[in-house]
Amino acid sequence: MFNVCLSSKKLCMAALAVVLLMVASLFFGGSQSGAGGLFPAPWDKLVHIMYFLALALLLHYCVGLPVVLVIVFSLIVGAADEIHQSFLPGRTAAWDDFVADATGVALAFTGYIFKRK
């Protein structure tokens, strides 16, 4: 599992800790009042893209998960975040946010796909 770019298991564990903090902050921070208006449109979509791009890159290149697992995990996190938002007062689930999440994941692996051909 810990075999891709990081030469040190400690660094790999630190990357995994960052991933866990990112996911926890997404759900905990997103449930705080005022979180819905933190980034105004259209910048909120850019934040979604960058967040999920970083998450995918950390999971693959630093933690060492295979691309397929990274894609599945990232999309589950994105979908779960939108479902979670649908239960929060003042928040709504949005398909365009999920599309932005998926775009970030796709961008993370665009170079990877072309490099393999």
N, C-alpha and C. Protein backbone atom coordinates (compact mmCIF):
# COMPACT_ATOMS: atom_id res chain seq x y z
N MET A 1 0.82 -1.20 0.00
CA MET A 1 0.00 0.00 0.00
C MET A 1 0.86 1.26 0.00
N PHE A 2 1.91 1.28 0.77
CA PHE A 2 2.75 2.47 0.90
C PHE A 2 3.98 2.34 0.02
N ASN A 3 3.79 2.37 -1.29
CA ASN A 3 4.93 2.06 -2.14
C ASN A 3 5.12 3.00 -3.32
N VAL A 4 4.41 4.09 -3.41
CA VAL A 4 4.46 4.86 -4.65
C VAL A 4 5.56 5.91 -4.61
N CYS A 5 5.31 7.08 -4.10
CA CYS A 5 6.29 8.17 -4.22
C CYS A 5 7.05 8.47 -2.94
N LEU A 6 6.46 8.19 -1.83
CA LEU A 6 7.13 8.56 -0.59
C LEU A 6 8.09 7.47 -0.17
N SER A 7 9.30 7.86 0.13
CA SER A 7 10.31 6.89 0.50
C SER A 7 10.21 6.51 1.97
N SER A 8 9.53 7.29 2.74
CA SER A 8 9.45 7.05 4.17
C SER A 8 8.03 6.67 4.57
N LYS A 9 7.92 5.64 5.37
CA LYS A 9 6.60 5.23 5.86
C LYS A 9 6.01 6.32 6.74
N LYS A 10 6.85 7.07 7.44
CA LYS A 10 6.36 8.17 8.28
C LYS A 10 5.71 9.25 7.42
N LEU A 11 6.34 9.57 6.30
CA LEU A 11 5.76 10.57 5.41
C LEU A 11 4.45 10.07 4.80
N CYS A 12 4.39 8.80 4.50
CA CYS A 12 3.19 8.22 3.94
C CYS A 12 2.06 8.25 4.98
N MET A 13 2.38 7.95 6.20
CA MET A 13 1.38 8.01 7.27
C MET A 13 0.92 9.45 7.48
N ALA A 14 1.84 10.40 7.35
CA ALA A 14 1.46 11.81 7.46
C ALA A 14 0.50 12.20 6.34
N ALA A 15 0.76 11.71 5.12
CA ALA A 15 -0.14 11.97 4.00
C ALA A 15 -1.51 11.37 4.25
N LEU A 16 -1.54 10.17 4.81
CA LEU A 16 -2.82 9.54 5.15
C LEU A 16 -3.55 10.35 6.21
N ALA A 17 -2.82 10.87 7.18
CA ALA A 17 -3.43 11.72 8.20
C ALA A 17 -4.02 12.98 7.58
N VAL A 18 -3.32 13.56 6.61
CA VAL A 18 -3.85 14.75 5.91
C VAL A 18 -5.14 14.40 5.18
N VAL A 19 -5.18 13.25 4.53
CA VAL A 19 -6.39 12.81 3.83
C VAL A 19 -7.54 12.67 4.83
N LEU A 20 -7.28 12.02 5.95
CA LEU A 20 -8.33 11.85 6.96
C LEU A 20 -8.81 13.19 7.50
N LEU A 21 -7.89 14.10 7.72
CA LEU A 21 -8.27 15.45 8.19
C LEU A 21 -9.08 16.18 7.12
N MET A 22 -8.71 16.02 5.87
CA MET A 22 -9.47 16.66 4.79
C MET A 22 -10.91 16.17 4.77
N VAL A 23 -11.07 14.86 4.85
CA VAL A 23 -12.43 14.29 4.79
C VAL A 23 -13.22 14.68 6.03
N ALA A 24 -12.59 14.61 7.20
CA ALA A 24 -13.28 15.00 8.44
C ALA A 24 -13.68 16.46 8.41
N SER A 25 -12.78 17.31 7.93
CA SER A 25 -13.09 18.74 7.88
C SER A 25 -14.19 19.04 6.87
N LEU A 26 -14.27 18.25 5.82
CA LEU A 26 -15.32 18.43 4.83
C LEU A 26 -16.69 18.25 5.48
N PHE A 27 -16.83 17.21 6.30
CA PHE A 27 -18.12 16.94 6.91
C PHE A 27 -18.36 17.79 8.16
N PHE A 28 -17.35 17.93 9.01
CA PHE A 28 -17.52 18.74 10.22
C PHE A 28 -17.61 20.22 9.86
N GLY A 29 -16.67 20.69 9.05
CA GLY A 29 -16.69 22.10 8.66
C GLY A 29 -17.92 22.46 7.85
N GLY A 30 -18.35 21.54 7.00
CA GLY A 30 -19.53 21.79 6.18
C GLY A 30 -20.81 21.86 6.97
N SER A 31 -20.82 21.32 8.18
CA SER A 31 -22.03 21.35 8.99
C SER A 31 -22.11 22.59 9.88
N GLN A 32 -21.08 23.42 9.85
CA GLN A 32 -21.08 24.64 10.66
C GLN A 32 -21.92 25.73 9.99
N SER A 33 -22.52 26.58 10.80
CA SER A 33 -23.34 27.66 10.23
C SER A 33 -22.44 28.60 9.42
N GLY A 34 -22.94 29.03 8.30
CA GLY A 34 -22.18 29.92 7.43
C GLY A 34 -21.28 29.22 6.44
N ALA A 35 -21.16 27.90 6.55
CA ALA A 35 -20.27 27.17 5.65
C ALA A 35 -20.77 27.22 4.21
N GLY A 36 -22.07 27.31 4.03
CA GLY A 36 -22.63 27.32 2.68
C GLY A 36 -22.25 28.54 1.88
N GLY A 37 -22.01 29.65 2.53
CA GLY A 37 -21.67 30.87 1.82
C GLY A 37 -20.20 31.22 1.89
N LEU A 38 -19.38 30.27 2.27
CA LEU A 38 -17.96 30.53 2.44
C LEU A 38 -17.29 30.95 1.14
N PHE A 39 -17.63 30.28 0.04
CA PHE A 39 -17.09 30.61 -1.27
C PHE A 39 -18.24 30.95 -2.20
N PRO A 40 -18.30 32.19 -2.69
CA PRO A 40 -19.41 32.56 -3.57
C PRO A 40 -19.26 31.93 -4.95
N ALA A 41 -20.41 31.76 -5.61
CA ALA A 41 -20.40 31.24 -6.99
C ALA A 41 -19.71 32.27 -7.88
N PRO A 42 -18.98 31.87 -8.87
CA PRO A 42 -18.68 30.52 -9.33
C PRO A 42 -17.42 29.94 -8.69
N TRP A 43 -16.83 30.65 -7.74
CA TRP A 43 -15.58 30.21 -7.13
C TRP A 43 -15.75 28.94 -6.32
N ASP A 44 -16.95 28.68 -5.85
CA ASP A 44 -17.18 27.45 -5.07
C ASP A 44 -16.88 26.20 -5.91
N LYS A 45 -17.16 26.28 -7.20
CA LYS A 45 -16.88 25.12 -8.07
C LYS A 45 -15.37 24.91 -8.21
N LEU A 46 -14.62 25.99 -8.30
CA LEU A 46 -13.16 25.88 -8.37
C LEU A 46 -12.62 25.26 -7.09
N VAL A 47 -13.20 25.61 -5.95
CA VAL A 47 -12.78 25.03 -4.68
C VAL A 47 -13.08 23.53 -4.66
N HIS A 48 -14.25 23.13 -5.15
CA HIS A 48 -14.58 21.71 -5.24
C HIS A 48 -13.55 20.98 -6.11
N ILE A 49 -13.26 21.54 -7.26
CA ILE A 49 -12.30 20.91 -8.19
C ILE A 49 -10.93 20.77 -7.54
N MET A 50 -10.43 21.82 -6.94
CA MET A 50 -9.09 21.79 -6.35
C MET A 50 -9.03 20.85 -5.13
N TYR A 51 -10.08 20.85 -4.34
CA TYR A 51 -10.12 19.99 -3.15
C TYR A 51 -10.03 18.52 -3.56
N PHE A 52 -10.86 18.13 -4.53
CA PHE A 52 -10.89 16.72 -4.92
C PHE A 52 -9.69 16.33 -5.78
N LEU A 53 -9.12 17.27 -6.49
CA LEU A 53 -7.86 17.01 -7.20
C LEU A 53 -6.77 16.70 -6.19
N ALA A 54 -6.67 17.53 -5.14
CA ALA A 54 -5.66 17.31 -4.10
C ALA A 54 -5.90 15.99 -3.36
N LEU A 55 -7.16 15.70 -3.06
CA LEU A 55 -7.49 14.46 -2.37
C LEU A 55 -7.06 13.25 -3.20
N ALA A 56 -7.38 13.27 -4.49
CA ALA A 56 -7.04 12.15 -5.37
C ALA A 56 -5.52 11.99 -5.50
N LEU A 57 -4.82 13.09 -5.67
CA LEU A 57 -3.36 13.01 -5.79
C LEU A 57 -2.72 12.48 -4.52
N LEU A 58 -3.17 12.95 -3.37
CA LEU A 58 -2.63 12.45 -2.10
C LEU A 58 -2.89 10.95 -1.95
N LEU A 59 -4.10 10.53 -2.26
CA LEU A 59 -4.43 9.12 -2.11
C LEU A 59 -3.61 8.23 -3.03
N HIS A 60 -3.39 8.68 -4.25
CA HIS A 60 -2.67 7.84 -5.20
C HIS A 60 -1.15 7.94 -5.04
N TYR A 61 -0.62 9.14 -5.15
CA TYR A 61 0.83 9.29 -5.19
C TYR A 61 1.49 9.25 -3.82
N CYS A 62 0.77 9.61 -2.77
CA CYS A 62 1.39 9.63 -1.44
C CYS A 62 0.99 8.44 -0.59
N VAL A 63 -0.27 8.04 -0.65
CA VAL A 63 -0.71 6.90 0.14
C VAL A 63 -0.49 5.61 -0.63
N GLY A 64 -0.61 5.67 -1.95
CA GLY A 64 -0.31 4.51 -2.77
C GLY A 64 -1.51 3.69 -3.20
N LEU A 65 -2.71 4.24 -3.08
CA LEU A 65 -3.88 3.50 -3.53
C LEU A 65 -3.92 3.44 -5.05
N PRO A 66 -4.41 2.33 -5.61
CA PRO A 66 -4.57 2.24 -7.07
C PRO A 66 -5.58 3.27 -7.58
N VAL A 67 -5.43 3.66 -8.83
CA VAL A 67 -6.27 4.69 -9.42
C VAL A 67 -7.75 4.36 -9.28
N VAL A 68 -8.12 3.13 -9.54
CA VAL A 68 -9.55 2.75 -9.46
C VAL A 68 -10.10 2.98 -8.06
N LEU A 69 -9.35 2.58 -7.04
CA LEU A 69 -9.81 2.79 -5.66
C LEU A 69 -9.87 4.26 -5.31
N VAL A 70 -8.93 5.03 -5.79
CA VAL A 70 -8.95 6.48 -5.54
C VAL A 70 -10.20 7.11 -6.15
N ILE A 71 -10.50 6.73 -7.38
CA ILE A 71 -11.68 7.29 -8.06
C ILE A 71 -12.95 6.91 -7.30
N VAL A 72 -13.08 5.64 -6.95
CA VAL A 72 -14.28 5.18 -6.24
C VAL A 72 -14.40 5.87 -4.89
N PHE A 73 -13.32 5.89 -4.11
CA PHE A 73 -13.35 6.52 -2.79
C PHE A 73 -13.69 8.01 -2.90
N SER A 74 -13.04 8.71 -3.83
CA SER A 74 -13.26 10.14 -3.98
C SER A 74 -14.70 10.45 -4.37
N LEU A 75 -15.25 9.68 -5.28
CA LEU A 75 -16.63 9.91 -5.71
C LEU A 75 -17.62 9.56 -4.60
N ILE A 76 -17.31 8.56 -3.81
CA ILE A 76 -18.17 8.25 -2.66
C ILE A 76 -18.15 9.40 -1.66
N VAL A 77 -16.97 9.94 -1.40
CA VAL A 77 -16.85 11.08 -0.48
C VAL A 77 -17.64 12.28 -1.03
N GLY A 78 -17.51 12.56 -2.33
CA GLY A 78 -18.25 13.66 -2.93
C GLY A 78 -19.75 13.48 -2.84
N ALA A 79 -20.22 12.26 -3.14
CA ALA A 79 -21.66 11.97 -3.06
C ALA A 79 -22.15 12.05 -1.61
N ALA A 80 -21.36 11.49 -0.69
CA ALA A 80 -21.74 11.53 0.72
C ALA A 80 -21.80 12.96 1.24
N ASP A 81 -20.90 13.81 0.78
CA ASP A 81 -20.91 15.22 1.17
C ASP A 81 -22.20 15.90 0.71
N GLU A 82 -22.59 15.63 -0.53
CA GLU A 82 -23.83 16.25 -1.03
C GLU A 82 -25.05 15.72 -0.30
N ILE A 83 -25.08 14.42 -0.02
CA ILE A 83 -26.20 13.85 0.74
C ILE A 83 -26.23 14.45 2.14
N HIS A 84 -25.07 14.57 2.76
CA HIS A 84 -24.95 15.17 4.09
C HIS A 84 -25.50 16.59 4.09
N GLN A 85 -25.16 17.36 3.06
CA GLN A 85 -25.63 18.75 2.98
C GLN A 85 -27.15 18.84 2.86
N SER A 86 -27.77 17.81 2.26
CA SER A 86 -29.23 17.86 2.09
C SER A 86 -29.96 17.78 3.43
N PHE A 87 -29.29 17.35 4.48
CA PHE A 87 -29.90 17.25 5.80
C PHE A 87 -29.57 18.44 6.70
N LEU A 88 -28.75 19.35 6.21
CA LEU A 88 -28.32 20.49 7.03
C LEU A 88 -29.20 21.70 6.76
N PRO A 89 -29.60 22.43 7.81
CA PRO A 89 -30.39 23.63 7.60
C PRO A 89 -29.60 24.68 6.81
N GLY A 90 -30.23 25.24 5.81
CA GLY A 90 -29.59 26.28 5.00
C GLY A 90 -28.67 25.75 3.92
N ARG A 91 -28.53 24.45 3.81
CA ARG A 91 -27.66 23.84 2.80
C ARG A 91 -28.51 22.98 1.88
N THR A 92 -28.03 22.79 0.68
CA THR A 92 -28.72 21.93 -0.27
C THR A 92 -27.69 21.06 -1.00
N ALA A 93 -28.15 19.90 -1.41
CA ALA A 93 -27.30 19.04 -2.24
C ALA A 93 -27.39 19.56 -3.67
N ALA A 94 -26.28 19.55 -4.39
CA ALA A 94 -26.27 20.08 -5.76
C ALA A 94 -25.49 19.16 -6.67
N TRP A 95 -26.11 18.82 -7.81
CA TRP A 95 -25.44 17.98 -8.79
C TRP A 95 -24.21 18.65 -9.37
N ASP A 96 -24.28 19.98 -9.54
CA ASP A 96 -23.13 20.66 -10.13
C ASP A 96 -21.92 20.64 -9.19
N ASP A 97 -22.16 20.58 -7.89
CA ASP A 97 -21.04 20.42 -6.95
C ASP A 97 -20.41 19.05 -7.11
N PHE A 98 -21.24 18.01 -7.25
CA PHE A 98 -20.72 16.66 -7.44
C PHE A 98 -19.96 16.57 -8.77
N VAL A 99 -20.46 17.23 -9.80
CA VAL A 99 -19.75 17.23 -11.09
C VAL A 99 -18.40 17.92 -10.94
N ALA A 100 -18.35 18.99 -10.16
CA ALA A 100 -17.07 19.67 -9.90
C ALA A 100 -16.12 18.74 -9.15
N ASP A 101 -16.65 17.98 -8.18
CA ASP A 101 -15.82 17.00 -7.46
C ASP A 101 -15.23 15.98 -8.43
N ALA A 102 -16.08 15.43 -9.28
CA ALA A 102 -15.64 14.43 -10.26
C ALA A 102 -14.65 15.03 -11.25
N THR A 103 -14.82 16.29 -11.59
CA THR A 103 -13.88 16.97 -12.49
C THR A 103 -12.50 17.05 -11.85
N GLY A 104 -12.45 17.37 -10.57
CA GLY A 104 -11.17 17.42 -9.87
C GLY A 104 -10.47 16.07 -9.88
N VAL A 105 -11.23 15.01 -9.65
CA VAL A 105 -10.65 13.66 -9.67
C VAL A 105 -10.15 13.33 -11.08
N ALA A 106 -10.96 13.67 -12.08
CA ALA A 106 -10.57 13.40 -13.48
C ALA A 106 -9.30 14.17 -13.85
N LEU A 107 -9.21 15.41 -13.43
CA LEU A 107 -8.02 16.21 -13.73
C LEU A 107 -6.78 15.62 -13.06
N ALA A 108 -6.96 15.04 -11.89
CA ALA A 108 -5.82 14.45 -11.18
C ALA A 108 -5.18 13.33 -12.00
N PHE A 109 -5.99 12.64 -12.78
CA PHE A 109 -5.48 11.49 -13.50
C PHE A 109 -5.39 11.68 -15.01
N THR A 110 -5.66 12.87 -15.49
CA THR A 110 -5.57 13.13 -16.93
C THR A 110 -4.16 12.86 -17.44
N GLY A 111 -3.17 13.40 -16.79
CA GLY A 111 -1.78 13.17 -17.20
C GLY A 111 -1.38 11.72 -17.04
N TYR A 112 -1.87 11.08 -16.00
CA TYR A 112 -1.57 9.68 -15.74
C TYR A 112 -2.07 8.80 -16.88
N ILE A 113 -3.27 9.07 -17.34
CA ILE A 113 -3.87 8.27 -18.42
C ILE A 113 -3.06 8.43 -19.71
N PHE A 114 -2.72 9.67 -20.06
CA PHE A 114 -1.98 9.91 -21.29
C PHE A 114 -0.55 9.38 -21.20
N LYS A 115 0.03 9.39 -20.04
CA LYS A 115 1.40 8.90 -19.85
C LYS A 115 1.47 7.39 -20.06
N ARG A 116 0.41 6.68 -19.70
CA ARG A 116 0.39 5.22 -19.81
C ARG A 116 0.23 4.75 -21.24
N LYS A 117 -0.27 5.59 -22.15
CA LYS A 117 -0.51 5.16 -23.54
C LYS A 117 0.72 5.17 -24.36
